[in-house]
Amino acid sequence: MEFAEQIMVDLINQGYRGNLREHFRDEVNQARQAIGEVLKEAARVAASKSGYASYGDVFDKLDASQGLLAALAEGEDSAEERGWITADEVEAGLGHD
């Protein structure tokens, strides 16, 4: 399941129905902010040479965070190009009728 689809399913599980566009964007913005904080913290730890995390640990987190940001952007771009779908369409597509 794509990351954007996971967000849509989570919105449905939270009780949202109908057009999920604004709720999706809110979730994406929250995720971007959280990922941005992870990136800042990883850069701080890497620069401090504190010994609390290895170089690999920090940069593995950076790579994963950047991958999530790319997946979020891809999901938004896809929705803009193909059109946003409703909660009912997400549920039907996942077999949750």
PDB file of N, CA and C in Angstrom:
ATOM      1  N   MET A   1       0.839  -1.170   0.000  1.00  0.00           N
ATOM      2  CA  MET A   1       0.000   0.000   0.000  1.00  0.00           C
ATOM      3  C   MET A   1       0.889   1.239   0.000  1.00  0.00           C
ATOM      4  N   GLU A   2       0.581   2.181  -0.849  1.00  0.00           N
ATOM      5  CA  GLU A   2       1.331   3.432  -0.937  1.00  0.00           C
ATOM      6  C   GLU A   2       1.119   4.263   0.328  1.00  0.00           C
ATOM      7  N   PHE A   3       2.089   5.117   0.633  1.00  0.00           N
ATOM      8  CA  PHE A   3       2.013   5.946   1.832  1.00  0.00           C
ATOM      9  C   PHE A   3       0.777   6.846   1.814  1.00  0.00           C
ATOM     10  N   ALA A   4       0.471   7.433   0.663  1.00  0.00           N
ATOM     11  CA  ALA A   4      -0.712   8.294   0.549  1.00  0.00           C
ATOM     12  C   ALA A   4      -1.992   7.499   0.827  1.00  0.00           C
ATOM     13  N   GLU A   5      -2.051   6.258   0.365  1.00  0.00           N
ATOM     14  CA  GLU A   5      -3.214   5.419   0.632  1.00  0.00           C
ATOM     15  C   GLU A   5      -3.334   5.125   2.123  1.00  0.00           C
ATOM     16  N   GLN A   6      -2.205   4.928   2.788  1.00  0.00           N
ATOM     17  CA  GLN A   6      -2.228   4.680   4.224  1.00  0.00           C
ATOM     18  C   GLN A   6      -2.807   5.885   4.973  1.00  0.00           C
ATOM     19  N   ILE A   7      -2.471   7.068   4.516  1.00  0.00           N
ATOM     20  CA  ILE A   7      -3.021   8.279   5.126  1.00  0.00           C
ATOM     21  C   ILE A   7      -4.533   8.316   4.915  1.00  0.00           C
ATOM     22  N   MET A   8      -4.985   8.008   3.703  1.00  0.00           N
ATOM     23  CA  MET A   8      -6.421   8.010   3.411  1.00  0.00           C
ATOM     24  C   MET A   8      -7.148   6.993   4.293  1.00  0.00           C
ATOM     25  N   VAL A   9      -6.606   5.803   4.420  1.00  0.00           N
ATOM     26  CA  VAL A   9      -7.225   4.777   5.259  1.00  0.00           C
ATOM     27  C   VAL A   9      -7.282   5.252   6.709  1.00  0.00           C
ATOM     28  N   ASP A  10      -6.208   5.883   7.176  1.00  0.00           N
ATOM     29  CA  ASP A  10      -6.194   6.399   8.540  1.00  0.00           C
ATOM     30  C   ASP A  10      -7.277   7.457   8.734  1.00  0.00           C
ATOM     31  N   LEU A  11      -7.462   8.326   7.746  1.00  0.00           N
ATOM     32  CA  LEU A  11      -8.519   9.341   7.838  1.00  0.00           C
ATOM     33  C   LEU A  11      -9.893   8.686   7.952  1.00  0.00           C
ATOM     34  N   ILE A  12     -10.115   7.652   7.161  1.00  0.00           N
ATOM     35  CA  ILE A  12     -11.387   6.933   7.220  1.00  0.00           C
ATOM     36  C   ILE A  12     -11.556   6.297   8.598  1.00  0.00           C
ATOM     37  N   ASN A  13     -10.487   5.691   9.101  1.00  0.00           N
ATOM     38  CA  ASN A  13     -10.552   5.073  10.429  1.00  0.00           C
ATOM     39  C   ASN A  13     -10.805   6.098  11.533  1.00  0.00           C
ATOM     40  N   GLN A  14     -10.419   7.347  11.278  1.00  0.00           N
ATOM     41  CA  GLN A  14     -10.684   8.423  12.240  1.00  0.00           C
ATOM     42  C   GLN A  14     -12.123   8.925  12.138  1.00  0.00           C
ATOM     43  N   GLY A  15     -12.858   8.435  11.130  1.00  0.00           N
ATOM     44  CA  GLY A  15     -14.266   8.802  10.998  1.00  0.00           C
ATOM     45  C   GLY A  15     -14.568   9.837   9.931  1.00  0.00           C
ATOM     46  N   TYR A  16     -13.568  10.266   9.189  1.00  0.00           N
ATOM     47  CA  TYR A  16     -13.823  11.244   8.135  1.00  0.00           C
ATOM     48  C   TYR A  16     -14.512  10.566   6.949  1.00  0.00           C
ATOM     49  N   ARG A  17     -15.404  11.279   6.302  1.00  0.00           N
ATOM     50  CA  ARG A  17     -16.133  10.760   5.150  1.00  0.00           C
ATOM     51  C   ARG A  17     -16.198  11.830   4.068  1.00  0.00           C
ATOM     52  N   GLY A  18     -16.645  11.419   2.896  1.00  0.00           N
ATOM     53  CA  GLY A  18     -16.815  12.373   1.799  1.00  0.00           C
ATOM     54  C   GLY A  18     -15.490  12.761   1.181  1.00  0.00           C
ATOM     55  N   ASN A  19     -15.369  14.041   0.839  1.00  0.00           N
ATOM     56  CA  ASN A  19     -14.161  14.552   0.212  1.00  0.00           C
ATOM     57  C   ASN A  19     -13.064  14.682   1.267  1.00  0.00           C
ATOM     58  N   LEU A  20     -12.001  13.937   1.086  1.00  0.00           N
ATOM     59  CA  LEU A  20     -10.922  13.896   2.075  1.00  0.00           C
ATOM     60  C   LEU A  20      -9.770  14.838   1.748  1.00  0.00           C
ATOM     61  N   ARG A  21      -9.916  15.632   0.705  1.00  0.00           N
ATOM     62  CA  ARG A  21      -8.808  16.456   0.216  1.00  0.00           C
ATOM     63  C   ARG A  21      -8.189  17.334   1.305  1.00  0.00           C
ATOM     64  N   GLU A  22      -8.995  18.128   1.990  1.00  0.00           N
ATOM     65  CA  GLU A  22      -8.456  19.040   3.001  1.00  0.00           C
ATOM     66  C   GLU A  22      -7.878  18.276   4.188  1.00  0.00           C
ATOM     67  N   HIS A  23      -8.548  17.202   4.587  1.00  0.00           N
ATOM     68  CA  HIS A  23      -8.037  16.401   5.699  1.00  0.00           C
ATOM     69  C   HIS A  23      -6.704  15.755   5.318  1.00  0.00           C
ATOM     70  N   PHE A  24      -6.612  15.287   4.069  1.00  0.00           N
ATOM     71  CA  PHE A  24      -5.368  14.687   3.586  1.00  0.00           C
ATOM     72  C   PHE A  24      -4.243  15.710   3.635  1.00  0.00           C
ATOM     73  N   ARG A  25      -4.534  16.902   3.142  1.00  0.00           N
ATOM     74  CA  ARG A  25      -3.507  17.957   3.139  1.00  0.00           C
ATOM     75  C   ARG A  25      -3.077  18.321   4.559  1.00  0.00           C
ATOM     76  N   ASP A  26      -4.027  18.350   5.490  1.00  0.00           N
ATOM     77  CA  ASP A  26      -3.676  18.626   6.886  1.00  0.00           C
ATOM     78  C   ASP A  26      -2.730  17.551   7.423  1.00  0.00           C
ATOM     79  N   GLU A  27      -3.047  16.278   7.142  1.00  0.00           N
ATOM     80  CA  GLU A  27      -2.203  15.168   7.596  1.00  0.00           C
ATOM     81  C   GLU A  27      -0.814  15.249   6.968  1.00  0.00           C
ATOM     82  N   VAL A  28      -0.764  15.570   5.685  1.00  0.00           N
ATOM     83  CA  VAL A  28       0.516  15.688   4.983  1.00  0.00           C
ATOM     84  C   VAL A  28       1.344  16.821   5.585  1.00  0.00           C
ATOM     85  N   ASN A  29       0.696  17.948   5.864  1.00  0.00           N
ATOM     86  CA  ASN A  29       1.426  19.072   6.467  1.00  0.00           C
ATOM     87  C   ASN A  29       1.973  18.705   7.838  1.00  0.00           C
ATOM     88  N   GLN A  30       1.183  17.981   8.631  1.00  0.00           N
ATOM     89  CA  GLN A  30       1.660  17.538   9.938  1.00  0.00           C
ATOM     90  C   GLN A  30       2.837  16.573   9.785  1.00  0.00           C
ATOM     91  N   ALA A  31       2.733  15.669   8.821  1.00  0.00           N
ATOM     92  CA  ALA A  31       3.824  14.717   8.586  1.00  0.00           C
ATOM     93  C   ALA A  31       5.081  15.448   8.133  1.00  0.00           C
ATOM     94  N   ARG A  32       4.930  16.423   7.253  1.00  0.00           N
ATOM     95  CA  ARG A  32       6.093  17.193   6.790  1.00  0.00           C
ATOM     96  C   ARG A  32       6.778  17.909   7.946  1.00  0.00           C
ATOM     97  N   GLN A  33       5.974  18.500   8.834  1.00  0.00           N
ATOM     98  CA  GLN A  33       6.555  19.195   9.983  1.00  0.00           C
ATOM     99  C   GLN A  33       7.310  18.222  10.882  1.00  0.00           C
ATOM    100  N   ALA A  34       6.706  17.056  11.121  1.00  0.00           N
ATOM    101  CA  ALA A  34       7.358  16.054  11.973  1.00  0.00           C
ATOM    102  C   ALA A  34       8.649  15.554  11.334  1.00  0.00           C
ATOM    103  N   ILE A  35       8.608  15.293  10.033  1.00  0.00           N
ATOM    104  CA  ILE A  35       9.797  14.827   9.327  1.00  0.00           C
ATOM    105  C   ILE A  35      10.875  15.906   9.344  1.00  0.00           C
ATOM    106  N   GLY A  36      10.465  17.156   9.188  1.00  0.00           N
ATOM    107  CA  GLY A  36      11.414  18.262   9.258  1.00  0.00           C
ATOM    108  C   GLY A  36      12.118  18.312  10.603  1.00  0.00           C
ATOM    109  N   GLU A  37      11.373  18.052  11.674  1.00  0.00           N
ATOM    110  CA  GLU A  37      11.975  18.023  13.003  1.00  0.00           C
ATOM    111  C   GLU A  37      12.962  16.866  13.135  1.00  0.00           C
ATOM    112  N   VAL A  38      12.615  15.706  12.566  1.00  0.00           N
ATOM    113  CA  VAL A  38      13.532  14.562  12.585  1.00  0.00           C
ATOM    114  C   VAL A  38      14.819  14.913  11.841  1.00  0.00           C
ATOM    115  N   LEU A  39      14.680  15.565  10.694  1.00  0.00           N
ATOM    116  CA  LEU A  39      15.854  15.943   9.912  1.00  0.00           C
ATOM    117  C   LEU A  39      16.740  16.930  10.675  1.00  0.00           C
ATOM    118  N   LYS A  40      16.121  17.907  11.344  1.00  0.00           N
ATOM    119  CA  LYS A  40      16.895  18.870  12.138  1.00  0.00           C
ATOM    120  C   LYS A  40      17.635  18.168  13.273  1.00  0.00           C
ATOM    121  N   GLU A  41      16.924  17.273  13.964  1.00  0.00           N
ATOM    122  CA  GLU A  41      17.545  16.567  15.086  1.00  0.00           C
ATOM    123  C   GLU A  41      18.667  15.664  14.601  1.00  0.00           C
ATOM    124  N   ALA A  42      18.458  14.990  13.488  1.00  0.00           N
ATOM    125  CA  ALA A  42      19.502  14.116  12.946  1.00  0.00           C
ATOM    126  C   ALA A  42      20.731  14.925  12.558  1.00  0.00           C
ATOM    127  N   ALA A  43      20.521  16.080  11.947  1.00  0.00           N
ATOM    128  CA  ALA A  43      21.654  16.933  11.578  1.00  0.00           C
ATOM    129  C   ALA A  43      22.380  17.436  12.824  1.00  0.00           C
ATOM    130  N   ARG A  44      21.606  17.784  13.867  1.00  0.00           N
ATOM    131  CA  ARG A  44      22.215  18.262  15.116  1.00  0.00           C
ATOM    132  C   ARG A  44      23.064  17.164  15.754  1.00  0.00           C
ATOM    133  N   VAL A  45      22.517  15.957  15.807  1.00  0.00           N
ATOM    134  CA  VAL A  45      23.248  14.843  16.411  1.00  0.00           C
ATOM    135  C   VAL A  45      24.502  14.524  15.599  1.00  0.00           C
ATOM    136  N   ALA A  46      24.363  14.526  14.277  1.00  0.00           N
ATOM    137  CA  ALA A  46      25.513  14.225  13.421  1.00  0.00           C
ATOM    138  C   ALA A  46      26.616  15.268  13.598  1.00  0.00           C
ATOM    139  N   ALA A  47      26.216  16.523  13.727  1.00  0.00           N
ATOM    140  CA  ALA A  47      27.204  17.599  13.869  1.00  0.00           C
ATOM    141  C   ALA A  47      27.855  17.606  15.252  1.00  0.00           C
ATOM    142  N   SER A  48      27.143  17.111  16.255  1.00  0.00           N
ATOM    143  CA  SER A  48      27.667  17.194  17.619  1.00  0.00           C
ATOM    144  C   SER A  48      28.704  16.132  17.932  1.00  0.00           C
ATOM    145  N   LYS A  49      28.731  15.083  17.169  1.00  0.00           N
ATOM    146  CA  LYS A  49      29.641  13.966  17.428  1.00  0.00           C
ATOM    147  C   LYS A  49      29.530  13.525  18.886  1.00  0.00           C
ATOM    148  N   SER A  50      28.280  13.469  19.355  1.00  0.00           N
ATOM    149  CA  SER A  50      28.017  13.184  20.761  1.00  0.00           C
ATOM    150  C   SER A  50      28.229  11.732  21.145  1.00  0.00           C
ATOM    151  N   GLY A  51      28.257  10.849  20.190  1.00  0.00           N
ATOM    152  CA  GLY A  51      28.418   9.444  20.510  1.00  0.00           C
ATOM    153  C   GLY A  51      27.113   8.743  20.825  1.00  0.00           C
ATOM    154  N   TYR A  52      26.003   9.475  20.831  1.00  0.00           N
ATOM    155  CA  TYR A  52      24.713   8.870  21.126  1.00  0.00           C
ATOM    156  C   TYR A  52      24.143   8.107  19.947  1.00  0.00           C
ATOM    157  N   ALA A  53      24.590   8.408  18.780  1.00  0.00           N
ATOM    158  CA  ALA A  53      24.124   7.712  17.585  1.00  0.00           C
ATOM    159  C   ALA A  53      25.293   7.608  16.621  1.00  0.00           C
ATOM    160  N   SER A  54      25.299   6.541  15.884  1.00  0.00           N
ATOM    161  CA  SER A  54      26.365   6.393  14.899  1.00  0.00           C
ATOM    162  C   SER A  54      26.046   7.231  13.670  1.00  0.00           C
ATOM    163  N   TYR A  55      27.041   7.481  12.905  1.00  0.00           N
ATOM    164  CA  TYR A  55      26.882   8.205  11.640  1.00  0.00           C
ATOM    165  C   TYR A  55      25.826   7.507  10.781  1.00  0.00           C
ATOM    166  N   GLY A  56      25.910   6.189  10.699  1.00  0.00           N
ATOM    167  CA  GLY A  56      24.949   5.414   9.901  1.00  0.00           C
ATOM    168  C   GLY A  56      23.532   5.547  10.411  1.00  0.00           C
ATOM    169  N   ASP A  57      23.344   5.523  11.741  1.00  0.00           N
ATOM    170  CA  ASP A  57      22.012   5.677  12.318  1.00  0.00           C
ATOM    171  C   ASP A  57      21.387   6.999  11.904  1.00  0.00           C
ATOM    172  N   VAL A  58      22.148   8.052  12.035  1.00  0.00           N
ATOM    173  CA  VAL A  58      21.638   9.381  11.709  1.00  0.00           C
ATOM    174  C   VAL A  58      21.275   9.470  10.234  1.00  0.00           C
ATOM    175  N   PHE A  59      22.157   9.029   9.374  1.00  0.00           N
ATOM    176  CA  PHE A  59      21.894   9.203   7.955  1.00  0.00           C
ATOM    177  C   PHE A  59      20.901   8.189   7.403  1.00  0.00           C
ATOM    178  N   ASP A  60      20.730   7.055   8.060  1.00  0.00           N
ATOM    179  CA  ASP A  60      19.641   6.152   7.695  1.00  0.00           C
ATOM    180  C   ASP A  60      18.302   6.823   7.971  1.00  0.00           C
ATOM    181  N   LYS A  61      18.216   7.547   9.105  1.00  0.00           N
ATOM    182  CA  LYS A  61      16.991   8.275   9.428  1.00  0.00           C
ATOM    183  C   LYS A  61      16.749   9.405   8.437  1.00  0.00           C
ATOM    184  N   LEU A  62      17.807  10.077   8.044  1.00  0.00           N
ATOM    185  CA  LEU A  62      17.661  11.139   7.048  1.00  0.00           C
ATOM    186  C   LEU A  62      17.137  10.572   5.731  1.00  0.00           C
ATOM    187  N   ASP A  63      17.714   9.457   5.282  1.00  0.00           N
ATOM    188  CA  ASP A  63      17.268   8.840   4.035  1.00  0.00           C
ATOM    189  C   ASP A  63      15.808   8.421   4.122  1.00  0.00           C
ATOM    190  N   ALA A  64      15.417   7.804   5.238  1.00  0.00           N
ATOM    191  CA  ALA A  64      14.031   7.362   5.411  1.00  0.00           C
ATOM    192  C   ALA A  64      13.086   8.557   5.435  1.00  0.00           C
ATOM    193  N   SER A  65      13.475   9.620   6.106  1.00  0.00           N
ATOM    194  CA  SER A  65      12.630  10.811   6.184  1.00  0.00           C
ATOM    195  C   SER A  65      12.468  11.457   4.809  1.00  0.00           C
ATOM    196  N   GLN A  66      13.544  11.532   4.079  1.00  0.00           N
ATOM    197  CA  GLN A  66      13.469  12.112   2.739  1.00  0.00           C
ATOM    198  C   GLN A  66      12.620  11.236   1.815  1.00  0.00           C
ATOM    199  N   GLY A  67      12.672   9.920   2.007  1.00  0.00           N
ATOM    200  CA  GLY A  67      11.827   9.014   1.240  1.00  0.00           C
ATOM    201  C   GLY A  67      10.354   9.236   1.539  1.00  0.00           C
ATOM    202  N   LEU A  68      10.027   9.459   2.817  1.00  0.00           N
ATOM    203  CA  LEU A  68       8.641   9.745   3.180  1.00  0.00           C
ATOM    204  C   LEU A  68       8.169  11.056   2.569  1.00  0.00           C
ATOM    205  N   LEU A  69       9.018  12.067   2.601  1.00  0.00           N
ATOM    206  CA  LEU A  69       8.647  13.344   1.985  1.00  0.00           C
ATOM    207  C   LEU A  69       8.385  13.173   0.493  1.00  0.00           C
ATOM    208  N   ALA A  70       9.206  12.387  -0.169  1.00  0.00           N
ATOM    209  CA  ALA A  70       9.014  12.145  -1.598  1.00  0.00           C
ATOM    210  C   ALA A  70       7.708  11.395  -1.848  1.00  0.00           C
ATOM    211  N   ALA A  71       7.391  10.417  -1.000  1.00  0.00           N
ATOM    212  CA  ALA A  71       6.146   9.656  -1.150  1.00  0.00           C
ATOM    213  C   ALA A  71       4.934  10.556  -0.937  1.00  0.00           C
ATOM    214  N   LEU A  72       5.009  11.467   0.023  1.00  0.00           N
ATOM    215  CA  LEU A  72       3.912  12.407   0.249  1.00  0.00           C
ATOM    216  C   LEU A  72       3.700  13.305  -0.967  1.00  0.00           C
ATOM    217  N   ALA A  73       4.791  13.825  -1.500  1.00  0.00           N
ATOM    218  CA  ALA A  73       4.703  14.690  -2.678  1.00  0.00           C
ATOM    219  C   ALA A  73       4.131  13.927  -3.868  1.00  0.00           C
ATOM    220  N   GLU A  74       4.552  12.676  -4.033  1.00  0.00           N
ATOM    221  CA  GLU A  74       4.054  11.852  -5.133  1.00  0.00           C
ATOM    222  C   GLU A  74       2.549  11.615  -4.997  1.00  0.00           C
ATOM    223  N   GLY A  75       2.087  11.353  -3.789  1.00  0.00           N
ATOM    224  CA  GLY A  75       0.654  11.146  -3.558  1.00  0.00           C
ATOM    225  C   GLY A  75      -0.156  12.392  -3.860  1.00  0.00           C
ATOM    226  N   GLU A  76       0.332  13.537  -3.431  1.00  0.00           N
ATOM    227  CA  GLU A  76      -0.362  14.796  -3.720  1.00  0.00           C
ATOM    228  C   GLU A  76      -0.378  15.090  -5.213  1.00  0.00           C
ATOM    229  N   ASP A  77       0.760  14.904  -5.866  1.00  0.00           N
ATOM    230  CA  ASP A  77       0.829  15.142  -7.309  1.00  0.00           C
ATOM    231  C   ASP A  77      -0.135  14.238  -8.064  1.00  0.00           C
ATOM    232  N   SER A  78      -0.184  12.978  -7.662  1.00  0.00           N
ATOM    233  CA  SER A  78      -1.083  12.022  -8.301  1.00  0.00           C
ATOM    234  C   SER A  78      -2.533  12.450  -8.125  1.00  0.00           C
ATOM    235  N   ALA A  79      -2.890  12.876  -6.925  1.00  0.00           N
ATOM    236  CA  ALA A  79      -4.259  13.310  -6.669  1.00  0.00           C
ATOM    237  C   ALA A  79      -4.606  14.552  -7.486  1.00  0.00           C
ATOM    238  N   GLU A  80      -3.662  15.469  -7.609  1.00  0.00           N
ATOM    239  CA  GLU A  80      -3.910  16.673  -8.410  1.00  0.00           C
ATOM    240  C   GLU A  80      -4.084  16.335  -9.890  1.00  0.00           C
ATOM    241  N   GLU A  81      -3.286  15.396 -10.387  1.00  0.00           N
ATOM    242  CA  GLU A  81      -3.347  15.018 -11.797  1.00  0.00           C
ATOM    243  C   GLU A  81      -4.586  14.191 -12.121  1.00  0.00           C
ATOM    244  N   ARG A  82      -4.885  13.206 -11.277  1.00  0.00           N
ATOM    245  CA  ARG A  82      -5.970  12.261 -11.545  1.00  0.00           C
ATOM    246  C   ARG A  82      -7.273  12.608 -10.852  1.00  0.00           C
ATOM    247  N   GLY A  83      -7.215  13.561  -9.949  1.00  0.00           N
ATOM    248  CA  GLY A  83      -8.406  13.941  -9.198  1.00  0.00           C
ATOM    249  C   GLY A  83      -8.429  13.275  -7.837  1.00  0.00           C
ATOM    250  N   TRP A  84      -8.982  13.988  -6.896  1.00  0.00           N
ATOM    251  CA  TRP A  84      -9.083  13.495  -5.523  1.00  0.00           C
ATOM    252  C   TRP A  84     -10.223  12.492  -5.450  1.00  0.00           C
ATOM    253  N   ILE A  85     -10.091  11.524  -4.573  1.00  0.00           N
ATOM    254  CA  ILE A  85     -11.133  10.527  -4.411  1.00  0.00           C
ATOM    255  C   ILE A  85     -11.781  10.674  -3.040  1.00  0.00           C
ATOM    256  N   THR A  86     -12.987  10.147  -2.939  1.00  0.00           N
ATOM    257  CA  THR A  86     -13.718  10.242  -1.683  1.00  0.00           C
ATOM    258  C   THR A  86     -13.370   9.067  -0.782  1.00  0.00           C
ATOM    259  N   ALA A  87     -13.803   9.178   0.457  1.00  0.00           N
ATOM    260  CA  ALA A  87     -13.595   8.092   1.415  1.00  0.00           C
ATOM    261  C   ALA A  87     -14.261   6.815   0.928  1.00  0.00           C
ATOM    262  N   ASP A  88     -15.444   6.930   0.355  1.00  0.00           N
ATOM    263  CA  ASP A  88     -16.142   5.747  -0.157  1.00  0.00           C
ATOM    264  C   ASP A  88     -15.342   5.054  -1.260  1.00  0.00           C
ATOM    265  N   GLU A  89     -14.722   5.848  -2.122  1.00  0.00           N
ATOM    266  CA  GLU A  89     -13.907   5.266  -3.198  1.00  0.00           C
ATOM    267  C   GLU A  89     -12.672   4.575  -2.651  1.00  0.00           C
ATOM    268  N   VAL A  90     -12.056   5.136  -1.612  1.00  0.00           N
ATOM    269  CA  VAL A  90     -10.903   4.501  -0.985  1.00  0.00           C
ATOM    270  C   VAL A  90     -11.323   3.156  -0.393  1.00  0.00           C
ATOM    271  N   GLU A  91     -12.419   3.179   0.367  1.00  0.00           N
ATOM    272  CA  GLU A  91     -12.899   1.937   0.995  1.00  0.00           C
ATOM    273  C   GLU A  91     -13.247   0.896  -0.038  1.00  0.00           C
ATOM    274  N   ALA A  92     -13.920   1.294  -1.120  1.00  0.00           N
ATOM    275  CA  ALA A  92     -14.275   0.331  -2.172  1.00  0.00           C
ATOM    276  C   ALA A  92     -13.033  -0.242  -2.834  1.00  0.00           C
ATOM    277  N   GLY A  93     -12.023   0.601  -3.053  1.00  0.00           N
ATOM    278  CA  GLY A  93     -10.788   0.156  -3.684  1.00  0.00           C
ATOM    279  C   GLY A  93     -10.003  -0.799  -2.812  1.00  0.00           C
ATOM    280  N   LEU A  94     -10.179  -0.705  -1.516  1.00  0.00           N
ATOM    281  CA  LEU A  94      -9.476  -1.587  -0.589  1.00  0.00           C
ATOM    282  C   LEU A  94     -10.314  -2.767  -0.147  1.00  0.00           C
ATOM    283  N   GLY A  95     -11.540  -2.846  -0.691  1.00  0.00           N
ATOM    284  CA  GLY A  95     -12.415  -3.967  -0.360  1.00  0.00           C
ATOM    285  C   GLY A  95     -13.068  -3.832   0.997  1.00  0.00           C
ATOM    286  N   HIS A  96     -13.228  -2.607   1.481  1.00  0.00           N
ATOM    287  CA  HIS A  96     -13.858  -2.365   2.786  1.00  0.00           C
ATOM    288  C   HIS A  96     -15.265  -1.860   2.615  1.00  0.00           C
ATOM    289  N   ASP A  97     -16.039  -2.506   1.769  1.00  0.00           N
ATOM    290  CA  ASP A  97     -17.402  -2.026   1.496  1.00  0.00           C
ATOM    291  C   ASP A  97     -18.255  -2.000   2.693  1.00  0.00           C
TER     292      ASP A  97
END
